[in-house]
Amino acid sequence: MGVIRSHFDHIHESLNMKKEEHVVEEVPCICGECRQAGVPYFHKYHELQKFLARGKDARCGKSADDLSVHLLINGLLPPKEPGSLFEALVTITSQLQGIKKTLHSDEDSRNTVVALLLGIRGFRVKD
């Protein structure tokens, strides 16, 4: 996240945009209520930095839950529920067909891609 923020800062500077005047960096809340809601509460990044410097927790503006500033700032979200294995395999198979020319034709190459895509969707995959 730090690298991404640095790139955004560089882009804004190249456009003569001042961070305090033109850009407000916000972090979506990760409390239970906000994860379920369509639109979460957004914490101001500079306020989270103040909480972090003082060793304090942040508080959600919607649910009033206390939250770890480390989790908010570092963008660490809880793992997603994997959903339906069947639906994931159908989607992955169609994606695999779309990239078949870029893969080796052996079974191991295809298995590696399927395992990677299942892992991204939250499934635990082993050989």
N, C-alpha and C. Protein backbone atom coordinates (compact mmCIF):
# COMPACT_ATOMS: atom_id res chain seq x y z
N MET A 1 0.82 -1.19 0.00
CA MET A 1 0.00 0.00 0.00
C MET A 1 0.87 1.25 0.00
N GLY A 2 2.00 1.18 0.67
CA GLY A 2 2.90 2.33 0.71
C GLY A 2 3.43 2.68 -0.67
N VAL A 3 3.74 1.67 -1.47
CA VAL A 3 4.23 1.89 -2.82
C VAL A 3 3.14 2.54 -3.67
N ILE A 4 1.92 2.06 -3.53
CA ILE A 4 0.80 2.61 -4.29
C ILE A 4 0.57 4.07 -3.89
N ARG A 5 0.59 4.34 -2.59
CA ARG A 5 0.42 5.73 -2.13
C ARG A 5 1.52 6.64 -2.69
N SER A 6 2.74 6.14 -2.73
CA SER A 6 3.86 6.91 -3.26
C SER A 6 3.64 7.24 -4.73
N HIS A 7 3.15 6.28 -5.49
CA HIS A 7 2.88 6.53 -6.92
C HIS A 7 1.77 7.56 -7.09
N PHE A 8 0.73 7.45 -6.28
CA PHE A 8 -0.34 8.44 -6.36
C PHE A 8 0.17 9.84 -5.98
N ASP A 9 1.01 9.92 -4.96
CA ASP A 9 1.59 11.21 -4.57
C ASP A 9 2.38 11.81 -5.73
N HIS A 10 3.16 10.97 -6.41
CA HIS A 10 3.95 11.44 -7.55
C HIS A 10 3.04 11.94 -8.67
N ILE A 11 1.97 11.21 -8.95
CA ILE A 11 1.02 11.62 -9.99
C ILE A 11 0.38 12.95 -9.63
N HIS A 12 -0.05 13.08 -8.39
CA HIS A 12 -0.68 14.34 -7.97
C HIS A 12 0.29 15.51 -8.04
N GLU A 13 1.53 15.28 -7.65
CA GLU A 13 2.54 16.34 -7.74
C GLU A 13 2.77 16.76 -9.18
N SER A 14 2.79 15.78 -10.09
CA SER A 14 3.02 16.11 -11.50
C SER A 14 1.85 16.91 -12.09
N LEU A 15 0.68 16.84 -11.46
CA LEU A 15 -0.49 17.60 -11.90
C LEU A 15 -0.66 18.89 -11.10
N ASN A 16 0.36 19.23 -10.32
CA ASN A 16 0.33 20.42 -9.45
C ASN A 16 -0.85 20.41 -8.48
N MET A 17 -1.17 19.24 -7.98
CA MET A 17 -2.25 19.10 -7.01
C MET A 17 -1.64 18.98 -5.62
N LYS A 18 -2.12 19.78 -4.70
CA LYS A 18 -1.64 19.72 -3.33
C LYS A 18 -2.50 18.74 -2.55
N LYS A 19 -1.83 17.88 -1.80
CA LYS A 19 -2.53 16.81 -1.10
C LYS A 19 -3.58 17.35 -0.13
N GLU A 20 -3.27 18.40 0.57
CA GLU A 20 -4.20 18.93 1.57
C GLU A 20 -5.39 19.65 0.93
N GLU A 21 -5.20 20.22 -0.26
CA GLU A 21 -6.26 21.01 -0.89
C GLU A 21 -7.11 20.21 -1.88
N HIS A 22 -6.46 19.39 -2.70
CA HIS A 22 -7.15 18.74 -3.80
C HIS A 22 -7.43 17.25 -3.60
N VAL A 23 -6.69 16.63 -2.72
CA VAL A 23 -6.78 15.17 -2.58
C VAL A 23 -7.08 14.81 -1.14
N VAL A 24 -8.13 14.02 -0.93
CA VAL A 24 -8.44 13.50 0.40
C VAL A 24 -8.35 11.98 0.30
N GLU A 25 -7.37 11.43 0.99
CA GLU A 25 -7.18 9.99 0.97
C GLU A 25 -8.05 9.36 2.04
N GLU A 26 -8.86 8.38 1.63
CA GLU A 26 -9.77 7.71 2.55
C GLU A 26 -9.57 6.20 2.49
N VAL A 27 -9.89 5.57 3.60
CA VAL A 27 -9.73 4.13 3.73
C VAL A 27 -11.09 3.54 4.11
N PRO A 28 -11.59 2.56 3.34
CA PRO A 28 -12.88 1.96 3.69
C PRO A 28 -12.81 1.19 4.99
N CYS A 29 -13.89 1.26 5.76
CA CYS A 29 -13.96 0.57 7.04
C CYS A 29 -14.08 -0.93 6.83
N ILE A 30 -13.55 -1.70 7.77
CA ILE A 30 -13.58 -3.16 7.67
C ILE A 30 -14.37 -3.80 8.81
N CYS A 31 -15.15 -2.99 9.54
CA CYS A 31 -15.94 -3.59 10.62
C CYS A 31 -17.03 -4.48 10.01
N GLY A 32 -17.65 -5.30 10.81
CA GLY A 32 -18.66 -6.23 10.33
C GLY A 32 -19.82 -5.56 9.63
N GLU A 33 -20.31 -4.47 10.21
CA GLU A 33 -21.44 -3.77 9.61
C GLU A 33 -21.08 -3.17 8.25
N CYS A 34 -19.91 -2.58 8.14
CA CYS A 34 -19.50 -1.96 6.88
C CYS A 34 -19.20 -2.99 5.80
N ARG A 35 -18.65 -4.15 6.19
CA ARG A 35 -18.40 -5.20 5.20
C ARG A 35 -19.70 -5.71 4.61
N GLN A 36 -20.77 -5.71 5.40
CA GLN A 36 -22.07 -6.18 4.93
C GLN A 36 -22.81 -5.10 4.15
N ALA A 37 -22.51 -3.84 4.45
CA ALA A 37 -23.22 -2.72 3.81
C ALA A 37 -22.69 -2.51 2.39
N GLY A 38 -23.54 -1.96 1.55
CA GLY A 38 -23.11 -1.65 0.19
C GLY A 38 -22.10 -0.53 0.15
N VAL A 39 -22.24 0.44 1.05
CA VAL A 39 -21.33 1.58 1.12
C VAL A 39 -20.77 1.67 2.53
N PRO A 40 -19.47 1.39 2.70
CA PRO A 40 -18.89 1.43 4.04
C PRO A 40 -18.61 2.87 4.47
N TYR A 41 -18.30 3.02 5.76
CA TYR A 41 -17.81 4.29 6.28
C TYR A 41 -16.37 4.45 5.78
N PHE A 42 -15.96 5.67 5.46
CA PHE A 42 -14.60 5.92 5.01
C PHE A 42 -13.85 6.75 6.05
N HIS A 43 -12.70 6.21 6.49
CA HIS A 43 -11.83 6.89 7.45
C HIS A 43 -10.86 7.78 6.68
N LYS A 44 -10.59 8.95 7.20
CA LYS A 44 -9.58 9.83 6.61
C LYS A 44 -8.20 9.27 6.95
N TYR A 45 -7.37 9.10 5.94
CA TYR A 45 -6.05 8.48 6.12
C TYR A 45 -5.18 9.28 7.09
N HIS A 46 -5.20 10.61 6.97
CA HIS A 46 -4.35 11.42 7.86
C HIS A 46 -4.80 11.29 9.32
N GLU A 47 -6.09 11.07 9.56
CA GLU A 47 -6.56 10.85 10.93
C GLU A 47 -6.11 9.50 11.45
N LEU A 48 -6.11 8.49 10.58
CA LEU A 48 -5.63 7.17 10.99
C LEU A 48 -4.15 7.23 11.37
N GLN A 49 -3.39 8.03 10.65
CA GLN A 49 -1.97 8.18 10.98
C GLN A 49 -1.79 8.79 12.38
N LYS A 50 -2.66 9.73 12.73
CA LYS A 50 -2.60 10.32 14.08
C LYS A 50 -2.91 9.27 15.15
N PHE A 51 -3.96 8.46 14.90
CA PHE A 51 -4.29 7.39 15.84
C PHE A 51 -3.12 6.44 16.00
N LEU A 52 -2.51 6.08 14.88
CA LEU A 52 -1.38 5.15 14.91
C LEU A 52 -0.21 5.72 15.71
N ALA A 53 0.08 7.00 15.51
CA ALA A 53 1.19 7.65 16.23
C ALA A 53 0.94 7.68 17.73
N ARG A 54 -0.31 7.75 18.13
CA ARG A 54 -0.66 7.81 19.56
C ARG A 54 -0.99 6.44 20.15
N GLY A 55 -0.92 5.40 19.33
CA GLY A 55 -1.21 4.05 19.81
C GLY A 55 -2.66 3.82 20.13
N LYS A 56 -3.55 4.53 19.45
CA LYS A 56 -4.99 4.42 19.69
C LYS A 56 -5.65 3.61 18.59
N ASP A 57 -6.82 3.06 18.90
CA ASP A 57 -7.64 2.40 17.90
C ASP A 57 -8.52 3.43 17.20
N ALA A 58 -8.96 3.09 16.00
CA ALA A 58 -9.91 3.94 15.28
C ALA A 58 -11.32 3.48 15.65
N ARG A 59 -12.29 4.31 15.33
CA ARG A 59 -13.69 3.96 15.62
C ARG A 59 -14.51 4.19 14.35
N CYS A 60 -15.33 3.21 14.01
CA CYS A 60 -16.19 3.32 12.83
C CYS A 60 -17.26 4.38 13.08
N GLY A 61 -17.51 5.22 12.08
CA GLY A 61 -18.52 6.26 12.18
C GLY A 61 -19.93 5.73 12.06
N LYS A 62 -20.10 4.50 11.55
CA LYS A 62 -21.44 3.90 11.42
C LYS A 62 -21.78 3.03 12.62
N SER A 63 -20.90 2.06 12.89
CA SER A 63 -21.20 1.07 13.93
C SER A 63 -20.64 1.42 15.30
N ALA A 64 -19.72 2.36 15.37
CA ALA A 64 -19.02 2.75 16.59
C ALA A 64 -18.13 1.63 17.12
N ASP A 65 -17.80 0.64 16.28
CA ASP A 65 -16.87 -0.42 16.67
C ASP A 65 -15.45 0.11 16.68
N ASP A 66 -14.65 -0.36 17.64
CA ASP A 66 -13.23 -0.03 17.66
C ASP A 66 -12.52 -0.94 16.66
N LEU A 67 -11.54 -0.36 15.95
CA LEU A 67 -10.84 -1.10 14.90
C LEU A 67 -9.34 -0.91 15.02
N SER A 68 -8.60 -1.90 14.61
CA SER A 68 -7.14 -1.82 14.57
C SER A 68 -6.73 -0.88 13.43
N VAL A 69 -5.97 0.15 13.77
CA VAL A 69 -5.49 1.08 12.75
C VAL A 69 -4.53 0.37 11.80
N HIS A 70 -3.75 -0.58 12.33
CA HIS A 70 -2.82 -1.34 11.48
C HIS A 70 -3.58 -2.05 10.36
N LEU A 71 -4.70 -2.69 10.71
CA LEU A 71 -5.47 -3.39 9.68
C LEU A 71 -6.05 -2.42 8.66
N LEU A 72 -6.51 -1.28 9.11
CA LEU A 72 -7.07 -0.29 8.19
C LEU A 72 -6.01 0.29 7.26
N ILE A 73 -4.89 0.71 7.81
CA ILE A 73 -3.86 1.37 7.02
C ILE A 73 -3.17 0.40 6.06
N ASN A 74 -2.92 -0.80 6.50
CA ASN A 74 -2.20 -1.75 5.66
C ASN A 74 -3.11 -2.47 4.67
N GLY A 75 -4.40 -2.20 4.73
CA GLY A 75 -5.31 -2.78 3.75
C GLY A 75 -5.50 -4.27 3.90
N LEU A 76 -5.34 -4.78 5.10
CA LEU A 76 -5.50 -6.21 5.31
C LEU A 76 -6.96 -6.51 5.60
N LEU A 77 -7.61 -7.13 4.66
CA LEU A 77 -9.01 -7.48 4.83
C LEU A 77 -9.14 -8.93 5.23
N PRO A 78 -10.17 -9.27 5.96
CA PRO A 78 -10.38 -10.67 6.29
C PRO A 78 -10.63 -11.46 5.01
N PRO A 79 -10.30 -12.75 5.01
CA PRO A 79 -10.49 -13.54 3.80
C PRO A 79 -11.96 -13.60 3.39
N LYS A 80 -12.18 -13.66 2.09
CA LYS A 80 -13.54 -13.76 1.57
C LYS A 80 -14.03 -15.20 1.72
N GLU A 81 -15.34 -15.33 1.86
CA GLU A 81 -15.93 -16.65 1.83
C GLU A 81 -15.80 -17.18 0.41
N PRO A 82 -15.42 -18.44 0.23
CA PRO A 82 -15.15 -18.93 -1.11
C PRO A 82 -16.37 -19.01 -2.03
N GLY A 83 -17.55 -19.18 -1.52
CA GLY A 83 -18.72 -19.28 -2.41
C GLY A 83 -18.84 -20.69 -2.97
N SER A 84 -19.48 -20.80 -4.11
CA SER A 84 -19.76 -22.09 -4.72
C SER A 84 -18.56 -22.58 -5.54
N LEU A 85 -18.10 -23.79 -5.24
CA LEU A 85 -17.00 -24.38 -5.98
C LEU A 85 -17.39 -24.60 -7.43
N PHE A 86 -18.60 -25.04 -7.67
CA PHE A 86 -19.07 -25.29 -9.04
C PHE A 86 -19.02 -24.00 -9.87
N GLU A 87 -19.57 -22.91 -9.33
CA GLU A 87 -19.57 -21.64 -10.07
C GLU A 87 -18.14 -21.16 -10.32
N ALA A 88 -17.27 -21.33 -9.33
CA ALA A 88 -15.87 -20.92 -9.50
C ALA A 88 -15.20 -21.73 -10.60
N LEU A 89 -15.45 -23.04 -10.63
CA LEU A 89 -14.83 -23.89 -11.66
C LEU A 89 -15.35 -23.56 -13.05
N VAL A 90 -16.62 -23.24 -13.18
CA VAL A 90 -17.17 -22.86 -14.48
C VAL A 90 -16.50 -21.57 -14.96
N THR A 91 -16.39 -20.60 -14.08
CA THR A 91 -15.76 -19.32 -14.44
C THR A 91 -14.30 -19.53 -14.80
N ILE A 92 -13.59 -20.30 -13.99
CA ILE A 92 -12.17 -20.55 -14.23
C ILE A 92 -11.95 -21.29 -15.54
N THR A 93 -12.81 -22.25 -15.83
CA THR A 93 -12.68 -23.01 -17.08
C THR A 93 -12.83 -22.09 -18.28
N SER A 94 -13.79 -21.18 -18.21
CA SER A 94 -13.95 -20.25 -19.34
C SER A 94 -12.75 -19.31 -19.44
N GLN A 95 -12.19 -18.89 -18.31
CA GLN A 95 -11.00 -18.05 -18.34
C GLN A 95 -9.82 -18.82 -18.91
N LEU A 96 -9.72 -20.08 -18.56
CA LEU A 96 -8.64 -20.93 -19.05
C LEU A 96 -8.72 -21.09 -20.56
N GLN A 97 -9.92 -21.23 -21.08
CA GLN A 97 -10.11 -21.33 -22.53
C GLN A 97 -9.66 -20.04 -23.21
N GLY A 98 -9.89 -18.92 -22.57
CA GLY A 98 -9.50 -17.64 -23.15
C GLY A 98 -8.01 -17.43 -23.24
N ILE A 99 -7.25 -18.12 -22.39
CA ILE A 99 -5.79 -17.94 -22.40
C ILE A 99 -5.06 -19.20 -22.84
N LYS A 100 -5.75 -20.13 -23.46
CA LYS A 100 -5.15 -21.43 -23.79
C LYS A 100 -3.95 -21.31 -24.72
N LYS A 101 -3.92 -20.28 -25.56
CA LYS A 101 -2.79 -20.12 -26.48
C LYS A 101 -1.53 -19.67 -25.76
N THR A 102 -1.68 -19.06 -24.58
CA THR A 102 -0.50 -18.59 -23.85
C THR A 102 0.04 -19.61 -22.87
N LEU A 103 -0.66 -20.73 -22.69
CA LEU A 103 -0.23 -21.78 -21.76
C LEU A 103 0.45 -22.91 -22.51
N HIS A 104 1.29 -23.63 -21.78
CA HIS A 104 1.80 -24.89 -22.32
C HIS A 104 0.62 -25.86 -22.38
N SER A 105 0.70 -26.80 -23.29
CA SER A 105 -0.44 -27.71 -23.45
C SER A 105 -0.44 -28.85 -22.43
N ASP A 106 0.57 -28.92 -21.57
CA ASP A 106 0.61 -30.02 -20.60
C ASP A 106 -0.36 -29.78 -19.45
N GLU A 107 -0.74 -30.85 -18.79
CA GLU A 107 -1.73 -30.81 -17.71
C GLU A 107 -1.24 -30.00 -16.51
N ASP A 108 0.05 -30.08 -16.20
CA ASP A 108 0.59 -29.36 -15.04
C ASP A 108 0.42 -27.85 -15.18
N SER A 109 0.63 -27.30 -16.36
CA SER A 109 0.46 -25.86 -16.58
C SER A 109 -0.98 -25.45 -16.34
N ARG A 110 -1.90 -26.23 -16.84
CA ARG A 110 -3.32 -25.91 -16.67
C ARG A 110 -3.73 -26.07 -15.20
N ASN A 111 -3.23 -27.10 -14.53
CA ASN A 111 -3.54 -27.29 -13.11
C ASN A 111 -3.02 -26.14 -12.27
N THR A 112 -1.84 -25.63 -12.61
CA THR A 112 -1.27 -24.51 -11.88
C THR A 112 -2.16 -23.28 -11.99
N VAL A 113 -2.65 -23.00 -13.18
CA VAL A 113 -3.53 -21.85 -13.38
C VAL A 113 -4.85 -22.03 -12.63
N VAL A 114 -5.43 -23.22 -12.71
CA VAL A 114 -6.70 -23.49 -12.00
C VAL A 114 -6.49 -23.34 -10.50
N ALA A 115 -5.40 -23.88 -9.97
CA ALA A 115 -5.12 -23.78 -8.54
C ALA A 115 -4.94 -22.32 -8.13
N LEU A 116 -4.24 -21.54 -8.94
CA LEU A 116 -4.04 -20.13 -8.65
C LEU A 116 -5.37 -19.37 -8.62
N LEU A 117 -6.21 -19.59 -9.61
CA LEU A 117 -7.48 -18.88 -9.68
C LEU A 117 -8.44 -19.32 -8.57
N LEU A 118 -8.40 -20.60 -8.19
CA LEU A 118 -9.22 -21.04 -7.06
C LEU A 118 -8.72 -20.42 -5.75
N GLY A 119 -7.40 -20.33 -5.60
CA GLY A 119 -6.83 -19.72 -4.41
C GLY A 119 -7.21 -18.27 -4.26
N ILE A 120 -7.26 -17.56 -5.38
CA ILE A 120 -7.66 -16.15 -5.36
C ILE A 120 -9.10 -16.03 -4.90
N ARG A 121 -9.91 -17.00 -5.21
CA ARG A 121 -11.34 -16.96 -4.84
C ARG A 121 -11.58 -17.48 -3.42
N GLY A 122 -10.51 -17.82 -2.69
CA GLY A 122 -10.66 -18.19 -1.29
C GLY A 122 -10.67 -19.68 -1.01
N PHE A 123 -10.48 -20.51 -2.04
CA PHE A 123 -10.43 -21.96 -1.82
C PHE A 123 -9.02 -22.38 -1.47
N ARG A 124 -8.91 -23.38 -0.61
CA ARG A 124 -7.60 -23.96 -0.30
C ARG A 124 -7.33 -25.06 -1.30
N VAL A 125 -6.20 -24.97 -1.99
CA VAL A 125 -5.90 -25.90 -3.06
C VAL A 125 -4.58 -26.60 -2.76
N LYS A 126 -4.58 -27.92 -2.92
CA LYS A 126 -3.36 -28.72 -2.76
C LYS A 126 -3.22 -29.62 -3.98
N ASP A 127 -2.00 -30.10 -4.21
CA ASP A 127 -1.76 -31.01 -5.34
C ASP A 127 -2.61 -32.24 -5.24
